[in-house]
Amino acid sequence: MQSKSSLGYRNREGCTIDRVAKDRFYKMIRALLAVKMTVDGKARIIRLPDHVLEMWVEFAREVEVEMREGGRFEHLHDWAGKLPGQAVRLAGLFHCARYADDAPSTHPLDEDSMGMALSMASVLSHHALEVFDLIGQDPDVECAKKILEWITGNDLRVFTQRDCHVRFKGSYPKISDLKPGLDILTERQIIREKINKKEGAGRPSVAFEVNPKI
């Protein structure tokens, strides 16, 4: 279950960074900046042992399978196709940070660095899927979701089109802007339209009954 957002309730008071951790971080950065990129004109190379390489290959295979039809990355070929390469780069960064005080190229990349990189790549893939889902969200479906949250959050049994418009006027200035969302909820039998009796002059107000199962 998704936790409740803290937006609107944050106090903006940052926590203090541990002095020891801060000093170690700066020491690591200075050590990495001091590393020479080449030795005798040759680029430094971080070795990747076979068993560590196999960890990465297995990850790359899994990503490849998920790019097939029906897979998680079916519609994210451009992003997912680069994920294995980014993962091994992350492993290299973790390795350099671990051996910053010594020449990173004198040590082979180990299982811990690769494991951390693959774990992070996996987490980032979940975030990417959420982000791309939001970007590709149908605006009419998004409208329907907002209306449904309003209905369930207020335990509504009946509501008028005017009530709905008053609630969402900031996002949907005209009643017609809300109609696609209301239509989706109607098609899915979440709400049912009914015409209220005309009271006085003007048009009769449109009202909606909420499916009791909701």
C-alpha atoms as a PDB file:
ATOM      1  CA  MET A   1       0.000   0.000   0.000  1.00  0.00           C
ATOM      2  CA  GLN A   2       1.377   3.398  -0.976  1.00  0.00           C
ATOM      3  CA  SER A   3       2.312   5.564   2.000  1.00  0.00           C
ATOM      4  CA  LYS A   4       0.649   8.954   2.462  1.00  0.00           C
ATOM      5  CA  SER A   5       2.544  11.827   0.871  1.00  0.00           C
ATOM      6  CA  SER A   6       4.259  14.302   3.196  1.00  0.00           C
ATOM      7  CA  LEU A   7       3.822  17.154   0.702  1.00  0.00           C
ATOM      8  CA  GLY A   8       2.285  20.152   2.392  1.00  0.00           C
ATOM      9  CA  TYR A   9       3.563  19.119   5.829  1.00  0.00           C
ATOM     10  CA  ARG A  10       7.352  19.322   5.435  1.00  0.00           C
ATOM     11  CA  ASN A  11       9.197  21.722   7.735  1.00  0.00           C
ATOM     12  CA  ARG A  12      12.246  22.130   5.483  1.00  0.00           C
ATOM     13  CA  GLU A  13      14.615  21.643   8.427  1.00  0.00           C
ATOM     14  CA  GLY A  14      17.483  19.571   7.084  1.00  0.00           C
ATOM     15  CA  CYS A  15      19.279  17.024   9.243  1.00  0.00           C
ATOM     16  CA  THR A  16      22.915  17.535  10.215  1.00  0.00           C
ATOM     17  CA  ILE A  17      25.447  15.460   8.297  1.00  0.00           C
ATOM     18  CA  ASP A  18      27.698  13.364  10.513  1.00  0.00           C
ATOM     19  CA  ARG A  19      31.104  15.073  10.718  1.00  0.00           C
ATOM     20  CA  VAL A  20      33.054  11.833  10.321  1.00  0.00           C
ATOM     21  CA  ALA A  21      31.034  10.840   7.234  1.00  0.00           C
ATOM     22  CA  LYS A  22      31.467  14.336   5.784  1.00  0.00           C
ATOM     23  CA  ASP A  23      35.256  14.245   6.271  1.00  0.00           C
ATOM     24  CA  ARG A  24      35.486  10.772   4.738  1.00  0.00           C
ATOM     25  CA  PHE A  25      33.465  11.909   1.739  1.00  0.00           C
ATOM     26  CA  TYR A  26      35.676  14.915   1.031  1.00  0.00           C
ATOM     27  CA  LYS A  27      38.787  12.812   1.536  1.00  0.00           C
ATOM     28  CA  MET A  28      37.495  10.282  -1.012  1.00  0.00           C
ATOM     29  CA  ILE A  29      36.717  13.008  -3.582  1.00  0.00           C
ATOM     30  CA  ARG A  30      40.175  14.558  -3.197  1.00  0.00           C
ATOM     31  CA  ALA A  31      41.809  11.138  -3.544  1.00  0.00           C
ATOM     32  CA  LEU A  32      39.873  10.370  -6.739  1.00  0.00           C
ATOM     33  CA  LEU A  33      40.742  13.753  -8.240  1.00  0.00           C
ATOM     34  CA  ALA A  34      44.406  13.004  -7.588  1.00  0.00           C
ATOM     35  CA  VAL A  35      44.333   9.709  -9.524  1.00  0.00           C
ATOM     36  CA  LYS A  36      46.160   9.970 -12.848  1.00  0.00           C
ATOM     37  CA  MET A  37      44.084   8.842 -15.801  1.00  0.00           C
ATOM     38  CA  THR A  38      47.014   7.206 -17.552  1.00  0.00           C
ATOM     39  CA  VAL A  39      50.191   5.350 -16.624  1.00  0.00           C
ATOM     40  CA  ASP A  40      53.060   5.559 -19.084  1.00  0.00           C
ATOM     41  CA  GLY A  41      50.634   6.829 -21.681  1.00  0.00           C
ATOM     42  CA  LYS A  42      48.210   3.934 -21.191  1.00  0.00           C
ATOM     43  CA  ALA A  43      44.678   4.305 -19.798  1.00  0.00           C
ATOM     44  CA  ARG A  44      43.981   2.731 -16.424  1.00  0.00           C
ATOM     45  CA  ILE A  45      41.745  -0.338 -16.720  1.00  0.00           C
ATOM     46  CA  ILE A  46      39.564  -1.887 -14.033  1.00  0.00           C
ATOM     47  CA  ARG A  47      39.533  -5.644 -14.417  1.00  0.00           C
ATOM     48  CA  LEU A  48      36.243  -7.523 -14.369  1.00  0.00           C
ATOM     49  CA  PRO A  49      36.645 -11.137 -13.132  1.00  0.00           C
ATOM     50  CA  ASP A  50      34.595 -13.829 -14.903  1.00  0.00           C
ATOM     51  CA  HIS A  51      32.288 -14.537 -11.952  1.00  0.00           C
ATOM     52  CA  VAL A  52      31.511 -10.809 -11.555  1.00  0.00           C
ATOM     53  CA  LEU A  53      31.015 -10.462 -15.298  1.00  0.00           C
ATOM     54  CA  GLU A  54      28.494 -13.315 -15.150  1.00  0.00           C
ATOM     55  CA  MET A  55      26.469 -11.357 -12.560  1.00  0.00           C
ATOM     56  CA  TRP A  56      26.192  -8.498 -15.031  1.00  0.00           C
ATOM     57  CA  VAL A  57      25.454 -10.792 -17.988  1.00  0.00           C
ATOM     58  CA  GLU A  58      22.567 -12.383 -16.079  1.00  0.00           C
ATOM     59  CA  PHE A  59      21.145  -8.939 -15.314  1.00  0.00           C
ATOM     60  CA  ALA A  60      21.512  -7.912 -18.959  1.00  0.00           C
ATOM     61  CA  ARG A  61      19.681 -11.074 -20.060  1.00  0.00           C
ATOM     62  CA  GLU A  62      16.776 -10.341 -17.719  1.00  0.00           C
ATOM     63  CA  VAL A  63      16.475  -6.803 -19.067  1.00  0.00           C
ATOM     64  CA  GLU A  64      16.571  -8.145 -22.630  1.00  0.00           C
ATOM     65  CA  VAL A  65      13.705 -10.555 -21.924  1.00  0.00           C
ATOM     66  CA  GLU A  66      11.624  -7.764 -20.378  1.00  0.00           C
ATOM     67  CA  MET A  67      11.914  -5.810 -23.636  1.00  0.00           C
ATOM     68  CA  ARG A  68       9.950  -8.491 -25.471  1.00  0.00           C
ATOM     69  CA  GLU A  69       6.238  -8.138 -26.196  1.00  0.00           C
ATOM     70  CA  GLY A  70       4.354  -8.241 -22.913  1.00  0.00           C
ATOM     71  CA  GLY A  71       7.461  -7.501 -20.846  1.00  0.00           C
ATOM     72  CA  ARG A  72       7.903  -4.643 -18.384  1.00  0.00           C
ATOM     73  CA  PHE A  73      10.105  -2.730 -20.815  1.00  0.00           C
ATOM     74  CA  GLU A  74       8.054  -3.474 -23.923  1.00  0.00           C
ATOM     75  CA  HIS A  75       7.511   0.231 -24.575  1.00  0.00           C
ATOM     76  CA  LEU A  76      10.802   1.477 -23.094  1.00  0.00           C
ATOM     77  CA  HIS A  77      13.340   0.051 -25.526  1.00  0.00           C
ATOM     78  CA  ASP A  78      15.429   3.219 -25.721  1.00  0.00           C
ATOM     79  CA  TRP A  79      15.739   3.509 -21.945  1.00  0.00           C
ATOM     80  CA  ALA A  80      15.974  -0.191 -21.068  1.00  0.00           C
ATOM     81  CA  GLY A  81      18.460  -0.874 -23.860  1.00  0.00           C
ATOM     82  CA  LYS A  82      20.957   1.392 -22.093  1.00  0.00           C
ATOM     83  CA  LEU A  83      20.245   0.059 -18.576  1.00  0.00           C
ATOM     84  CA  PRO A  84      22.851  -2.766 -18.520  1.00  0.00           C
ATOM     85  CA  GLY A  85      25.551  -0.364 -19.669  1.00  0.00           C
ATOM     86  CA  GLN A  86      24.583   2.146 -17.011  1.00  0.00           C
ATOM     87  CA  ALA A  87      24.650  -0.613 -14.397  1.00  0.00           C
ATOM     88  CA  VAL A  88      28.238  -1.587 -15.135  1.00  0.00           C
ATOM     89  CA  ARG A  89      29.221   2.091 -15.039  1.00  0.00           C
ATOM     90  CA  LEU A  90      27.636   2.349 -11.597  1.00  0.00           C
ATOM     91  CA  ALA A  91      29.664  -0.675 -10.531  1.00  0.00           C
ATOM     92  CA  GLY A  92      32.813   1.108 -11.677  1.00  0.00           C
ATOM     93  CA  LEU A  93      31.882   4.209  -9.664  1.00  0.00           C
ATOM     94  CA  PHE A  94      31.242   2.149  -6.518  1.00  0.00           C
ATOM     95  CA  HIS A  95      34.571   0.406  -7.054  1.00  0.00           C
ATOM     96  CA  CYS A  96      36.451   3.686  -7.422  1.00  0.00           C
ATOM     97  CA  ALA A  97      34.811   5.075  -4.290  1.00  0.00           C
ATOM     98  CA  ARG A  98      35.779   1.952  -2.325  1.00  0.00           C
ATOM     99  CA  TYR A  99      39.416   2.078  -3.381  1.00  0.00           C
ATOM    100  CA  ALA A 100      39.810   5.836  -3.581  1.00  0.00           C
ATOM    101  CA  ASP A 101      42.775   5.814  -1.197  1.00  0.00           C
ATOM    102  CA  ASP A 102      44.539   3.278  -3.388  1.00  0.00           C
ATOM    103  CA  ALA A 103      44.710   3.165  -7.173  1.00  0.00           C
ATOM    104  CA  PRO A 104      41.311   1.655  -8.144  1.00  0.00           C
ATOM    105  CA  SER A 105      42.847   0.003 -11.194  1.00  0.00           C
ATOM    106  CA  THR A 106      45.109  -2.138  -8.999  1.00  0.00           C
ATOM    107  CA  HIS A 107      42.077  -4.028  -7.683  1.00  0.00           C
ATOM    108  CA  PRO A 108      39.598  -6.178  -9.663  1.00  0.00           C
ATOM    109  CA  LEU A 109      35.972  -5.146  -9.504  1.00  0.00           C
ATOM    110  CA  ASP A 110      34.394  -7.324  -6.791  1.00  0.00           C
ATOM    111  CA  GLU A 111      30.984  -8.897  -6.189  1.00  0.00           C
ATOM    112  CA  ASP A 112      29.959  -6.271  -3.628  1.00  0.00           C
ATOM    113  CA  SER A 113      30.404  -3.343  -6.017  1.00  0.00           C
ATOM    114  CA  MET A 114      28.600  -5.146  -8.831  1.00  0.00           C
ATOM    115  CA  GLY A 115      25.837  -6.294  -6.482  1.00  0.00           C
ATOM    116  CA  MET A 116      25.216  -2.737  -5.244  1.00  0.00           C
ATOM    117  CA  ALA A 117      25.161  -1.447  -8.812  1.00  0.00           C
ATOM    118  CA  LEU A 118      22.675  -4.060 -10.008  1.00  0.00           C
ATOM    119  CA  SER A 119      20.450  -3.437  -6.981  1.00  0.00           C
ATOM    120  CA  MET A 120      20.446   0.285  -7.690  1.00  0.00           C
ATOM    121  CA  ALA A 121      19.748  -0.302 -11.386  1.00  0.00           C
ATOM    122  CA  SER A 122      16.787  -2.473 -10.407  1.00  0.00           C
ATOM    123  CA  VAL A 123      15.398   0.218  -8.104  1.00  0.00           C
ATOM    124  CA  LEU A 124      15.908   2.891 -10.751  1.00  0.00           C
ATOM    125  CA  SER A 125      14.030   0.761 -13.271  1.00  0.00           C
ATOM    126  CA  HIS A 126      10.984   0.725 -10.976  1.00  0.00           C
ATOM    127  CA  HIS A 127      11.146   4.520 -10.677  1.00  0.00           C
ATOM    128  CA  ALA A 128      11.523   4.859 -14.452  1.00  0.00           C
ATOM    129  CA  LEU A 129       8.435   2.727 -15.060  1.00  0.00           C
ATOM    130  CA  GLU A 130       6.416   4.927 -12.694  1.00  0.00           C
ATOM    131  CA  VAL A 131       7.666   8.125 -14.349  1.00  0.00           C
ATOM    132  CA  PHE A 132       7.014   6.942 -17.899  1.00  0.00           C
ATOM    133  CA  ASP A 133       3.572   5.739 -16.796  1.00  0.00           C
ATOM    134  CA  LEU A 134       2.769   9.235 -15.507  1.00  0.00           C
ATOM    135  CA  ILE A 135       4.087  10.891 -18.645  1.00  0.00           C
ATOM    136  CA  GLY A 136       2.015   8.607 -20.836  1.00  0.00           C
ATOM    137  CA  GLN A 137      -1.109   8.810 -18.703  1.00  0.00           C
ATOM    138  CA  ASP A 138      -4.284   9.479 -20.663  1.00  0.00           C
ATOM    139  CA  PRO A 139      -5.560  12.880 -19.398  1.00  0.00           C
ATOM    140  CA  ASP A 140      -9.159  11.642 -19.500  1.00  0.00           C
ATOM    141  CA  VAL A 141      -8.250   8.651 -17.314  1.00  0.00           C
ATOM    142  CA  GLU A 142      -6.382  10.980 -14.955  1.00  0.00           C
ATOM    143  CA  CYS A 143      -9.512  13.134 -14.699  1.00  0.00           C
ATOM    144  CA  ALA A 144     -11.618  10.050 -13.916  1.00  0.00           C
ATOM    145  CA  LYS A 145      -9.158   9.003 -11.190  1.00  0.00           C
ATOM    146  CA  LYS A 146      -9.371  12.419  -9.524  1.00  0.00           C
ATOM    147  CA  ILE A 147     -13.160  12.351  -9.528  1.00  0.00           C
ATOM    148  CA  LEU A 148     -13.206   8.801  -8.134  1.00  0.00           C
ATOM    149  CA  GLU A 149     -10.822   9.797  -5.328  1.00  0.00           C
ATOM    150  CA  TRP A 150     -13.151  12.688  -4.477  1.00  0.00           C
ATOM    151  CA  ILE A 151     -16.168  10.367  -4.459  1.00  0.00           C
ATOM    152  CA  THR A 152     -14.578   7.708  -2.264  1.00  0.00           C
ATOM    153  CA  GLY A 153     -12.785  10.208  -0.026  1.00  0.00           C
ATOM    154  CA  ASN A 154     -16.074  11.900   0.836  1.00  0.00           C
ATOM    155  CA  ASP A 155     -18.178   8.718   0.836  1.00  0.00           C
ATOM    156  CA  LEU A 156     -20.563  10.243  -1.701  1.00  0.00           C
ATOM    157  CA  ARG A 157     -23.709   8.398  -2.689  1.00  0.00           C
ATOM    158  CA  VAL A 158     -25.079  11.084  -4.994  1.00  0.00           C
ATOM    159  CA  PHE A 159     -23.498  14.242  -6.380  1.00  0.00           C
ATOM    160  CA  THR A 160     -24.357  16.837  -8.977  1.00  0.00           C
ATOM    161  CA  GLN A 161     -22.325  17.845 -11.966  1.00  0.00           C
ATOM    162  CA  ARG A 162     -22.158  21.323 -10.463  1.00  0.00           C
ATOM    163  CA  ASP A 163     -20.732  19.971  -7.185  1.00  0.00           C
ATOM    164  CA  CYS A 164     -18.040  18.182  -9.129  1.00  0.00           C
ATOM    165  CA  HIS A 165     -17.201  21.274 -11.142  1.00  0.00           C
ATOM    166  CA  VAL A 166     -16.945  23.445  -8.026  1.00  0.00           C
ATOM    167  CA  ARG A 167     -14.486  20.939  -6.530  1.00  0.00           C
ATOM    168  CA  PHE A 168     -12.255  20.760  -9.610  1.00  0.00           C
ATOM    169  CA  LYS A 169     -12.729  24.190 -11.124  1.00  0.00           C
ATOM    170  CA  GLY A 170      -9.059  25.018 -10.571  1.00  0.00           C
ATOM    171  CA  SER A 171      -7.903  22.139 -12.796  1.00  0.00           C
ATOM    172  CA  TYR A 172     -10.927  21.968 -15.117  1.00  0.00           C
ATOM    173  CA  PRO A 173     -12.292  25.505 -15.698  1.00  0.00           C
ATOM    174  CA  LYS A 174     -15.328  24.387 -17.737  1.00  0.00           C
ATOM    175  CA  ILE A 175     -17.863  21.671 -16.968  1.00  0.00           C
ATOM    176  CA  SER A 176     -17.179  20.246 -20.414  1.00  0.00           C
ATOM    177  CA  ASP A 177     -13.562  19.648 -19.320  1.00  0.00           C
ATOM    178  CA  LEU A 178     -14.838  17.194 -16.683  1.00  0.00           C
ATOM    179  CA  LYS A 179     -17.163  15.332 -19.040  1.00  0.00           C
ATOM    180  CA  PRO A 180     -14.553  12.838 -20.380  1.00  0.00           C
ATOM    181  CA  GLY A 181     -13.726  11.764 -16.831  1.00  0.00           C
ATOM    182  CA  LEU A 182     -17.397  11.447 -15.897  1.00  0.00           C
ATOM    183  CA  ASP A 183     -18.028   9.477 -19.087  1.00  0.00           C
ATOM    184  CA  ILE A 184     -15.270   6.986 -18.199  1.00  0.00           C
ATOM    185  CA  LEU A 185     -16.728   6.443 -14.729  1.00  0.00           C
ATOM    186  CA  THR A 186     -20.165   5.988 -16.287  1.00  0.00           C
ATOM    187  CA  GLU A 187     -18.875   3.488 -18.861  1.00  0.00           C
ATOM    188  CA  ARG A 188     -17.281   1.452 -16.077  1.00  0.00           C
ATOM    189  CA  GLN A 189     -20.558   1.515 -14.110  1.00  0.00           C
ATOM    190  CA  ILE A 190     -18.988   3.358 -11.194  1.00  0.00           C
ATOM    191  CA  ILE A 191     -21.564   6.137 -11.471  1.00  0.00           C
ATOM    192  CA  ARG A 192     -24.958   6.447 -13.171  1.00  0.00           C
ATOM    193  CA  GLU A 193     -26.412   9.673 -14.521  1.00  0.00           C
ATOM    194  CA  LYS A 194     -29.864  10.838 -13.626  1.00  0.00           C
ATOM    195  CA  ILE A 195     -31.704  14.066 -14.378  1.00  0.00           C
ATOM    196  CA  ASN A 196     -32.972  15.929 -11.351  1.00  0.00           C
ATOM    197  CA  LYS A 197     -36.314  17.572 -11.508  1.00  0.00           C
ATOM    198  CA  LYS A 198     -36.246  21.162 -12.654  1.00  0.00           C
ATOM    199  CA  GLU A 199     -36.513  23.585  -9.759  1.00  0.00           C
ATOM    200  CA  GLY A 200     -37.525  27.074 -10.821  1.00  0.00           C
ATOM    201  CA  ALA A 201     -36.126  28.723 -13.929  1.00  0.00           C
ATOM    202  CA  GLY A 202     -33.204  27.319 -15.860  1.00  0.00           C
ATOM    203  CA  ARG A 203     -32.086  23.860 -16.876  1.00  0.00           C
ATOM    204  CA  PRO A 204     -32.556  20.820 -14.641  1.00  0.00           C
ATOM    205  CA  SER A 205     -29.375  19.927 -12.781  1.00  0.00           C
ATOM    206  CA  VAL A 206     -27.503  16.784 -13.819  1.00  0.00           C
ATOM    207  CA  ALA A 207     -26.803  14.413 -10.949  1.00  0.00           C
ATOM    208  CA  PHE A 208     -24.985  11.114 -10.598  1.00  0.00           C
ATOM    209  CA  GLU A 209     -25.663   8.127  -8.386  1.00  0.00           C
ATOM    210  CA  VAL A 210     -22.653   6.196  -7.136  1.00  0.00           C
ATOM    211  CA  ASN A 211     -22.562   2.434  -7.481  1.00  0.00           C
ATOM    212  CA  PRO A 212     -23.121   1.111  -3.881  1.00  0.00           C
ATOM    213  CA  LYS A 213     -20.317  -1.422  -4.397  1.00  0.00           C
ATOM    214  CA  ILE A 214     -17.846   1.449  -4.688  1.00  0.00           C
END
